[in-house]
PDB file of N, CA and C in Angstrom:
ATOM      1  N   UNK A   1      22.116 123.722 137.091  1.00  0.00           N
ATOM      2  CA  UNK A   1      21.372 124.035 138.298  1.00  0.00           C
ATOM      3  C   UNK A   1      21.696 125.649 138.178  1.00  0.00           C
ATOM      4  N   UNK A   2      20.901 126.750 138.116  1.00  0.00           N
ATOM      5  CA  UNK A   2      20.930 128.014 138.458  1.00  0.00           C
ATOM      6  C   UNK A   2      20.526 128.330 139.920  1.00  0.00           C
ATOM      7  N   UNK A   3      21.478 129.430 139.916  1.00  0.00           N
ATOM      8  CA  UNK A   3      21.818 130.021 141.928  1.00  0.00           C
ATOM      9  C   UNK A   3      20.372 131.610 140.624  1.00  0.00           C
ATOM     10  N   UNK A   4      20.005 131.405 142.309  1.00  0.00           N
ATOM     11  CA  UNK A   4      18.892 133.056 142.099  1.00  0.00           C
ATOM     12  C   UNK A   4      19.654 133.370 143.079  1.00  0.00           C
ATOM     13  N   UNK A   5      19.794 134.608 143.088  1.00  0.00           N
ATOM     14  CA  UNK A   5      20.328 136.753 144.162  1.00  0.00           C
ATOM     15  C   UNK A   5      19.067 136.331 144.857  1.00  0.00           C
ATOM     16  N   UNK A   6      19.989 137.065 145.577  1.00  0.00           N
ATOM     17  CA  UNK A   6      19.379 137.701 146.907  1.00  0.00           C
ATOM     18  C   UNK A   6      18.369 139.062 145.892  1.00  0.00           C
ATOM     19  N   UNK A   7      19.150 139.540 144.827  1.00  0.00           N
ATOM     20  CA  UNK A   7      18.239 140.640 144.296  1.00  0.00           C
ATOM     21  C   UNK A   7      17.241 139.928 143.393  1.00  0.00           C
ATOM     22  N   UNK A   8      17.382 138.912 142.571  1.00  0.00           N
ATOM     23  CA  UNK A   8      16.545 138.443 142.458  1.00  0.00           C
ATOM     24  C   UNK A   8      15.545 138.046 143.138  1.00  0.00           C
ATOM     25  N   UNK A   9      15.515 137.315 144.328  1.00  0.00           N
ATOM     26  CA  UNK A   9      14.415 137.276 145.153  1.00  0.00           C
ATOM     27  C   UNK A   9      14.030 138.422 145.627  1.00  0.00           C
ATOM     28  N   UNK A  10      14.742 139.519 145.819  1.00  0.00           N
ATOM     29  CA  UNK A  10      13.851 141.468 146.132  1.00  0.00           C
ATOM     30  C   UNK A  10      12.668 140.973 144.653  1.00  0.00           C
ATOM     31  N   UNK A  11      13.703 141.230 143.477  1.00  0.00           N
ATOM     32  CA  UNK A  11      12.690 141.511 142.654  1.00  0.00           C
ATOM     33  C   UNK A  11      11.493 140.887 142.415  1.00  0.00           C
ATOM     34  N   UNK A  12      11.756 139.986 142.847  1.00  0.00           N
ATOM     35  CA  UNK A  12      10.668 138.931 142.299  1.00  0.00           C
ATOM     36  C   UNK A  12       8.973 139.400 142.547  1.00  0.00           C
ATOM     37  N   UNK A  13       9.756 140.420 144.173  1.00  0.00           N
ATOM     38  CA  UNK A  13       7.831 140.855 145.061  1.00  0.00           C
ATOM     39  C   UNK A  13       8.733 142.311 145.012  1.00  0.00           C
ATOM     40  N   UNK A  14       8.591 142.815 143.419  1.00  0.00           N
ATOM     41  CA  UNK A  14       8.467 144.276 142.992  1.00  0.00           C
ATOM     42  C   UNK A  14       7.048 144.280 143.346  1.00  0.00           C
ATOM     43  N   UNK A  15       7.272 146.204 143.743  1.00  0.00           N
ATOM     44  CA  UNK A  15       5.777 145.952 144.177  1.00  0.00           C
ATOM     45  C   UNK A  15       5.097 146.750 142.545  1.00  0.00           C
ATOM     46  N   UNK A  16       5.847 146.882 140.973  1.00  0.00           N
ATOM     47  CA  UNK A  16       5.454 146.646 139.951  1.00  0.00           C
ATOM     48  C   UNK A  16       4.487 145.857 139.366  1.00  0.00           C
ATOM     49  N   UNK A  17       5.313 145.139 139.454  1.00  0.00           N
ATOM     50  CA  UNK A  17       5.425 143.660 139.549  1.00  0.00           C
ATOM     51  C   UNK A  17       3.420 142.941 140.080  1.00  0.00           C
ATOM     52  N   UNK A  18       3.240 143.733 141.546  1.00  0.00           N
ATOM     53  CA  UNK A  18       1.349 143.524 141.636  1.00  0.00           C
ATOM     54  C   UNK A  18       0.705 143.590 140.526  1.00  0.00           C
ATOM     55  N   UNK A  19      -0.234 143.058 140.441  1.00  0.00           N
ATOM     56  CA  UNK A  19      -0.655 143.156 139.543  1.00  0.00           C
ATOM     57  C   UNK A  19      -3.008 145.290 140.318  1.00  0.00           C
ATOM     58  N   UNK A  20      -2.249 145.625 138.630  1.00  0.00           N
ATOM     59  CA  UNK A  20      -2.992 146.946 138.693  1.00  0.00           C
ATOM     60  C   UNK A  20      -4.298 146.913 138.878  1.00  0.00           C
ATOM     61  N   UNK A  21      -4.605 147.581 139.459  1.00  0.00           N
ATOM     62  CA  UNK A  21      -6.269 147.970 139.364  1.00  0.00           C
ATOM     63  C   UNK A  21      -6.786 147.708 138.190  1.00  0.00           C
ATOM     64  N   UNK A  22      -6.764 147.926 137.908  1.00  0.00           N
ATOM     65  CA  UNK A  22      -7.237 148.068 136.553  1.00  0.00           C
ATOM     66  C   UNK A  22      -7.876 145.796 135.943  1.00  0.00           C
ATOM     67  N   UNK A  23      -6.593 145.919 136.550  1.00  0.00           N
ATOM     68  CA  UNK A  23      -6.903 143.910 136.455  1.00  0.00           C
ATOM     69  C   UNK A  23      -7.374 142.895 137.730  1.00  0.00           C
ATOM     70  N   UNK A  24      -7.163 143.924 138.584  1.00  0.00           N
ATOM     71  CA  UNK A  24      -8.023 143.263 139.637  1.00  0.00           C
ATOM     72  C   UNK A  24      -9.502 143.687 139.168  1.00  0.00           C
ATOM     73  N   UNK A  25      -9.939 144.913 139.667  1.00  0.00           N
ATOM     74  CA  UNK A  25     -10.832 144.500 138.804  1.00  0.00           C
ATOM     75  C   UNK A  25     -11.616 144.388 137.495  1.00  0.00           C
ATOM     76  N   UNK A  26     -10.651 143.645 136.879  1.00  0.00           N
ATOM     77  CA  UNK A  26     -11.292 142.627 136.102  1.00  0.00           C
ATOM     78  C   UNK A  26     -11.479 141.166 136.085  1.00  0.00           C
ATOM     79  N   UNK A  27     -10.708 140.748 137.316  1.00  0.00           N
ATOM     80  CA  UNK A  27     -10.925 140.170 138.053  1.00  0.00           C
ATOM     81  C   UNK A  27     -11.990 139.573 139.068  1.00  0.00           C
ATOM     82  N   UNK A  28     -12.455 140.652 139.655  1.00  0.00           N
ATOM     83  CA  UNK A  28     -13.431 140.537 140.563  1.00  0.00           C
ATOM     84  C   UNK A  28     -15.241 140.654 139.810  1.00  0.00           C
ATOM     85  N   UNK A  29     -14.235 141.516 138.224  1.00  0.00           N
ATOM     86  CA  UNK A  29     -16.084 141.314 137.546  1.00  0.00           C
ATOM     87  C   UNK A  29     -16.083 139.759 137.121  1.00  0.00           C
ATOM     88  N   UNK A  30     -14.881 138.355 136.601  1.00  0.00           N
ATOM     89  CA  UNK A  30     -14.966 137.282 136.005  1.00  0.00           C
ATOM     90  C   UNK A  30     -15.030 136.902 137.386  1.00  0.00           C
ATOM     91  N   UNK A  31     -15.056 136.812 139.143  1.00  0.00           N
ATOM     92  CA  UNK A  31     -15.218 136.190 139.812  1.00  0.00           C
ATOM     93  C   UNK A  31     -16.220 135.013 139.580  1.00  0.00           C
ATOM     94  N   UNK A  32     -17.924 136.140 139.181  1.00  0.00           N
ATOM     95  CA  UNK A  32     -18.760 134.643 139.131  1.00  0.00           C
ATOM     96  C   UNK A  32     -18.544 133.687 138.368  1.00  0.00           C
ATOM     97  N   UNK A  33     -18.036 134.305 137.433  1.00  0.00           N
ATOM     98  CA  UNK A  33     -17.830 132.834 136.408  1.00  0.00           C
ATOM     99  C   UNK A  33     -16.866 132.142 136.880  1.00  0.00           C
ATOM    100  N   UNK A  34     -15.820 131.811 137.808  1.00  0.00           N
ATOM    101  CA  UNK A  34     -14.368 131.415 138.539  1.00  0.00           C
ATOM    102  C   UNK A  34     -15.666 130.712 139.464  1.00  0.00           C
ATOM    103  N   UNK A  35     -16.060 131.387 140.097  1.00  0.00           N
ATOM    104  CA  UNK A  35     -17.471 130.250 140.837  1.00  0.00           C
ATOM    105  C   UNK A  35     -17.879 128.819 140.587  1.00  0.00           C
ATOM    106  N   UNK A  36     -18.721 129.206 139.475  1.00  0.00           N
ATOM    107  CA  UNK A  36     -19.389 129.043 138.926  1.00  0.00           C
ATOM    108  C   UNK A  36     -19.382 127.686 138.128  1.00  0.00           C
ATOM    109  N   UNK A  37     -18.068 128.350 137.715  1.00  0.00           N
ATOM    110  CA  UNK A  37     -17.747 126.621 137.008  1.00  0.00           C
ATOM    111  C   UNK A  37     -16.383 126.004 138.398  1.00  0.00           C
ATOM    112  N   UNK A  38     -16.091 126.192 138.973  1.00  0.00           N
ATOM    113  CA  UNK A  38     -15.486 125.811 140.329  1.00  0.00           C
ATOM    114  C   UNK A  38     -16.923 124.785 140.584  1.00  0.00           C
ATOM    115  N   UNK A  39     -18.255 125.120 140.069  1.00  0.00           N
ATOM    116  CA  UNK A  39     -18.748 124.729 141.366  1.00  0.00           C
ATOM    117  C   UNK A  39     -19.455 123.513 140.393  1.00  0.00           C
ATOM    118  N   UNK A  40     -19.357 124.163 139.083  1.00  0.00           N
ATOM    119  CA  UNK A  40     -19.449 122.996 137.781  1.00  0.00           C
ATOM    120  C   UNK A  40     -18.690 121.488 137.890  1.00  0.00           C
ATOM    121  N   UNK A  41     -17.340 121.838 138.350  1.00  0.00           N
ATOM    122  CA  UNK A  41     -15.499 121.469 138.513  1.00  0.00           C
ATOM    123  C   UNK A  41     -15.998 120.623 139.819  1.00  0.00           C
ATOM    124  N   UNK A  42     -16.702 120.707 140.847  1.00  0.00           N
ATOM    125  CA  UNK A  42     -16.979 120.026 141.948  1.00  0.00           C
ATOM    126  C   UNK A  42     -17.891 118.812 141.621  1.00  0.00           C
ATOM    127  N   UNK A  43     -19.337 119.321 140.557  1.00  0.00           N
ATOM    128  CA  UNK A  43     -20.756 118.313 140.534  1.00  0.00           C
ATOM    129  C   UNK A  43     -19.718 117.376 139.770  1.00  0.00           C
ATOM    130  N   UNK A  44     -19.057 117.697 138.508  1.00  0.00           N
ATOM    131  CA  UNK A  44     -18.895 116.551 137.679  1.00  0.00           C
ATOM    132  C   UNK A  44     -17.841 115.784 138.421  1.00  0.00           C
ATOM    133  N   UNK A  45     -17.005 116.453 139.106  1.00  0.00           N
ATOM    134  CA  UNK A  45     -16.215 114.985 139.940  1.00  0.00           C
ATOM    135  C   UNK A  45     -16.502 114.476 141.036  1.00  0.00           C
ATOM    136  N   UNK A  46     -17.700 114.523 141.146  1.00  0.00           N
ATOM    137  CA  UNK A  46     -17.983 114.103 142.477  1.00  0.00           C
ATOM    138  C   UNK A  46     -19.257 112.761 141.342  1.00  0.00           C
ATOM    139  N   UNK A  47     -18.985 112.898 140.500  1.00  0.00           N
ATOM    140  CA  UNK A  47     -19.845 111.416 140.006  1.00  0.00           C
ATOM    141  C   UNK A  47     -18.441 110.752 138.801  1.00  0.00           C
ATOM    142  N   UNK A  48     -17.744 110.955 139.073  1.00  0.00           N
ATOM    143  CA  UNK A  48     -17.107 110.116 138.092  1.00  0.00           C
ATOM    144  C   UNK A  48     -16.428 109.122 138.699  1.00  0.00           C
ATOM    145  N   UNK A  49     -16.621 108.282 139.341  1.00  0.00           N
ATOM    146  CA  UNK A  49     -16.322 107.076 140.642  1.00  0.00           C
ATOM    147  C   UNK A  49     -17.492 106.618 140.376  1.00  0.00           C
ATOM    148  N   UNK A  50     -19.107 106.688 140.605  1.00  0.00           N
ATOM    149  CA  UNK A  50     -20.038 105.743 140.595  1.00  0.00           C
ATOM    150  C   UNK A  50     -21.210 106.792 139.206  1.00  0.00           C
ATOM    151  N   UNK A  51     -21.862 105.741 139.294  1.00  0.00           N
ATOM    152  CA  UNK A  51     -22.872 106.482 138.411  1.00  0.00           C
ATOM    153  C   UNK A  51     -23.668 107.577 138.768  1.00  0.00           C
ATOM    154  N   UNK A  52     -23.972 108.585 137.775  1.00  0.00           N
ATOM    155  CA  UNK A  52     -24.799 109.481 138.165  1.00  0.00           C
ATOM    156  C   UNK A  52     -26.294 109.555 138.823  1.00  0.00           C
ATOM    157  N   UNK A  53     -26.648 109.833 140.012  1.00  0.00           N
ATOM    158  CA  UNK A  53     -27.571 109.241 140.666  1.00  0.00           C
ATOM    159  C   UNK A  53     -29.001 111.024 139.875  1.00  0.00           C
ATOM    160  N   UNK A  54     -30.242 110.679 140.097  1.00  0.00           N
ATOM    161  CA  UNK A  54     -31.230 111.724 139.530  1.00  0.00           C
ATOM    162  C   UNK A  54     -30.756 112.867 140.278  1.00  0.00           C
ATOM    163  N   UNK A  55     -30.278 113.042 141.509  1.00  0.00           N
ATOM    164  CA  UNK A  55     -29.928 114.278 142.391  1.00  0.00           C
ATOM    165  C   UNK A  55     -28.333 114.609 141.579  1.00  0.00           C
ATOM    166  N   UNK A  56     -27.080 113.662 141.393  1.00  0.00           N
ATOM    167  CA  UNK A  56     -26.511 114.188 140.707  1.00  0.00           C
ATOM    168  C   UNK A  56     -26.345 114.988 139.743  1.00  0.00           C
ATOM    169  N   UNK A  57     -27.377 114.045 138.175  1.00  0.00           N
ATOM    170  CA  UNK A  57     -28.159 115.131 137.161  1.00  0.00           C
ATOM    171  C   UNK A  57     -28.629 116.408 137.956  1.00  0.00           C
ATOM    172  N   UNK A  58     -29.312 116.424 138.701  1.00  0.00           N
ATOM    173  CA  UNK A  58     -29.824 118.010 138.628  1.00  0.00           C
ATOM    174  C   UNK A  58     -29.109 118.799 138.716  1.00  0.00           C
ATOM    175  N   UNK A  59     -27.771 118.365 139.969  1.00  0.00           N
ATOM    176  CA  UNK A  59     -26.438 118.894 140.397  1.00  0.00           C
ATOM    177  C   UNK A  59     -25.851 119.656 139.276  1.00  0.00           C
ATOM    178  N   UNK A  60     -25.439 119.149 138.331  1.00  0.00           N
ATOM    179  CA  UNK A  60     -24.531 118.945 137.944  1.00  0.00           C
ATOM    180  C   UNK A  60     -25.148 119.755 135.984  1.00  0.00           C
ATOM    181  N   UNK A  61     -26.856 120.082 136.082  1.00  0.00           N
ATOM    182  CA  UNK A  61     -27.635 120.690 135.136  1.00  0.00           C
ATOM    183  C   UNK A  61     -27.115 122.376 135.923  1.00  0.00           C
ATOM    184  N   UNK A  62     -27.385 122.218 137.222  1.00  0.00           N
ATOM    185  CA  UNK A  62     -28.202 122.984 137.910  1.00  0.00           C
ATOM    186  C   UNK A  62     -26.881 124.127 137.747  1.00  0.00           C
ATOM    187  N   UNK A  63     -25.140 123.478 137.579  1.00  0.00           N
ATOM    188  CA  UNK A  63     -24.790 123.961 137.500  1.00  0.00           C
ATOM    189  C   UNK A  63     -24.289 124.719 136.558  1.00  0.00           C
ATOM    190  N   UNK A  64     -24.123 124.185 135.210  1.00  0.00           N
ATOM    191  CA  UNK A  64     -24.042 124.201 134.118  1.00  0.00           C
ATOM    192  C   UNK A  64     -25.267 125.915 133.767  1.00  0.00           C
ATOM    193  N   UNK A  65     -26.061 126.100 134.143  1.00  0.00           N
ATOM    194  CA  UNK A  65     -27.085 126.940 134.131  1.00  0.00           C
ATOM    195  C   UNK A  65     -26.184 128.129 134.859  1.00  0.00           C
ATOM    196  N   UNK A  66     -25.632 127.064 135.593  1.00  0.00           N
ATOM    197  CA  UNK A  66     -25.101 129.074 136.300  1.00  0.00           C
ATOM    198  C   UNK A  66     -23.756 129.311 136.137  1.00  0.00           C
ATOM    199  N   UNK A  67     -23.354 128.094 135.429  1.00  0.00           N
ATOM    200  CA  UNK A  67     -22.125 128.891 134.138  1.00  0.00           C
ATOM    201  C   UNK A  67     -22.156 129.799 133.303  1.00  0.00           C
ATOM    202  N   UNK A  68     -23.817 129.300 132.183  1.00  0.00           N
ATOM    203  CA  UNK A  68     -23.893 130.124 130.664  1.00  0.00           C
ATOM    204  C   UNK A  68     -23.957 131.252 131.846  1.00  0.00           C
ATOM    205  N   UNK A  69     -25.354 131.719 132.951  1.00  0.00           N
ATOM    206  CA  UNK A  69     -25.366 132.847 133.138  1.00  0.00           C
ATOM    207  C   UNK A  69     -24.616 134.026 133.363  1.00  0.00           C
ATOM    208  N   UNK A  70     -23.451 133.155 134.132  1.00  0.00           N
ATOM    209  CA  UNK A  70     -22.733 134.128 134.168  1.00  0.00           C
ATOM    210  C   UNK A  70     -22.058 134.171 133.405  1.00  0.00           C
ATOM    211  N   UNK A  71     -21.306 133.608 132.471  1.00  0.00           N
ATOM    212  CA  UNK A  71     -20.772 134.035 131.350  1.00  0.00           C
ATOM    213  C   UNK A  71     -21.673 134.871 130.511  1.00  0.00           C
ATOM    214  N   UNK A  72     -23.118 134.375 130.142  1.00  0.00           N
ATOM    215  CA  UNK A  72     -23.773 135.740 129.748  1.00  0.00           C
ATOM    216  C   UNK A  72     -24.323 137.154 130.437  1.00  0.00           C
ATOM    217  N   UNK A  73     -23.915 136.700 131.677  1.00  0.00           N
ATOM    218  CA  UNK A  73     -23.464 138.150 132.360  1.00  0.00           C
ATOM    219  C   UNK A  73     -22.269 138.749 132.404  1.00  0.00           C
ATOM    220  N   UNK A  74     -21.399 138.954 132.285  1.00  0.00           N
ATOM    221  CA  UNK A  74     -19.870 138.716 131.258  1.00  0.00           C
ATOM    222  C   UNK A  74     -19.573 139.278 130.044  1.00  0.00           C
ATOM    223  N   UNK A  75     -20.602 138.928 129.035  1.00  0.00           N
ATOM    224  CA  UNK A  75     -20.351 139.011 128.344  1.00  0.00           C
ATOM    225  C   UNK A  75     -21.704 139.833 128.079  1.00  0.00           C
ATOM    226  N   UNK A  76     -22.385 140.012 128.043  1.00  0.00           N
ATOM    227  CA  UNK A  76     -22.948 141.618 128.501  1.00  0.00           C
ATOM    228  C   UNK A  76     -22.549 142.812 128.958  1.00  0.00           C
ATOM    229  N   UNK A  77     -21.576 142.205 130.198  1.00  0.00           N
ATOM    230  CA  UNK A  77     -20.581 143.784 131.201  1.00  0.00           C
ATOM    231  C   UNK A  77     -19.823 144.028 130.183  1.00  0.00           C
ATOM    232  N   UNK A  78     -18.841 142.811 128.966  1.00  0.00           N
ATOM    233  CA  UNK A  78     -17.728 143.261 128.249  1.00  0.00           C
ATOM    234  C   UNK A  78     -18.385 144.250 126.565  1.00  0.00           C
ATOM    235  N   UNK A  79     -19.619 143.592 126.690  1.00  0.00           N
ATOM    236  CA  UNK A  79     -19.930 144.201 125.764  1.00  0.00           C
ATOM    237  C   UNK A  79     -20.804 145.912 125.999  1.00  0.00           C
ATOM    238  N   UNK A  80     -21.161 146.024 126.876  1.00  0.00           N
ATOM    239  CA  UNK A  80     -21.926 147.749 127.590  1.00  0.00           C
ATOM    240  C   UNK A  80     -20.976 148.403 127.639  1.00  0.00           C
ATOM    241  N   UNK A  81     -19.418 148.157 128.167  1.00  0.00           N
ATOM    242  CA  UNK A  81     -18.590 148.872 128.110  1.00  0.00           C
ATOM    243  C   UNK A  81     -17.732 149.284 126.541  1.00  0.00           C
ATOM    244  N   UNK A  82     -18.458 148.705 125.920  1.00  0.00           N
ATOM    245  CA  UNK A  82     -17.335 149.175 124.272  1.00  0.00           C
ATOM    246  C   UNK A  82     -18.647 149.119 123.637  1.00  0.00           C
ATOM    247  N   UNK A  83     -19.790 149.859 123.825  1.00  0.00           N
ATOM    248  CA  UNK A  83     -21.077 150.290 123.335  1.00  0.00           C
ATOM    249  C   UNK A  83     -20.771 151.705 123.708  1.00  0.00           C
ATOM    250  N   UNK A  84     -21.319 152.648 122.358  1.00  0.00           N
ATOM    251  CA  UNK A  84     -21.147 154.124 122.393  1.00  0.00           C
ATOM    252  C   UNK A  84     -22.804 154.954 123.427  1.00  0.00           C
ATOM    253  N   UNK A  85     -23.011 155.321 124.182  1.00  0.00           N
ATOM    254  CA  UNK A  85     -23.819 155.887 123.867  1.00  0.00           C
ATOM    255  C   UNK A  85     -24.320 156.486 123.183  1.00  0.00           C
ATOM    256  N   UNK A  86     -25.642 156.698 123.078  1.00  0.00           N
ATOM    257  CA  UNK A  86     -27.013 157.193 122.387  1.00  0.00           C
ATOM    258  C   UNK A  86     -26.806 158.619 122.268  1.00  0.00           C
ATOM    259  N   UNK A  87     -26.401 159.814 121.670  1.00  0.00           N
ATOM    260  CA  UNK A  87     -26.818 161.324 121.930  1.00  0.00           C
ATOM    261  C   UNK A  87     -25.572 162.235 122.542  1.00  0.00           C
ATOM    262  N   UNK A  88     -24.812 160.827 122.561  1.00  0.00           N
ATOM    263  CA  UNK A  88     -23.335 162.011 123.400  1.00  0.00           C
ATOM    264  C   UNK A  88     -22.520 162.615 122.354  1.00  0.00           C
TER     265      UNK A  88
END
């Protein structure tokens, strides 16, 4: 069994191990997709132990559309970041 020294424990929380501003911005940009995927997962989990009702089916369908819309928006943001401006 490996013992952790005090120095190792302190450097585990060193400031240079924190996420950078760019990483935090990327997480922030992906947050709508993360939330939408969580909603879809919740809707699917709710129907695991029973037969889905019409309301469950609509909830899952709505959650899937929300995920697809969030993925599209994220893809468009990513594409816009790499598209050169015309006339520049």
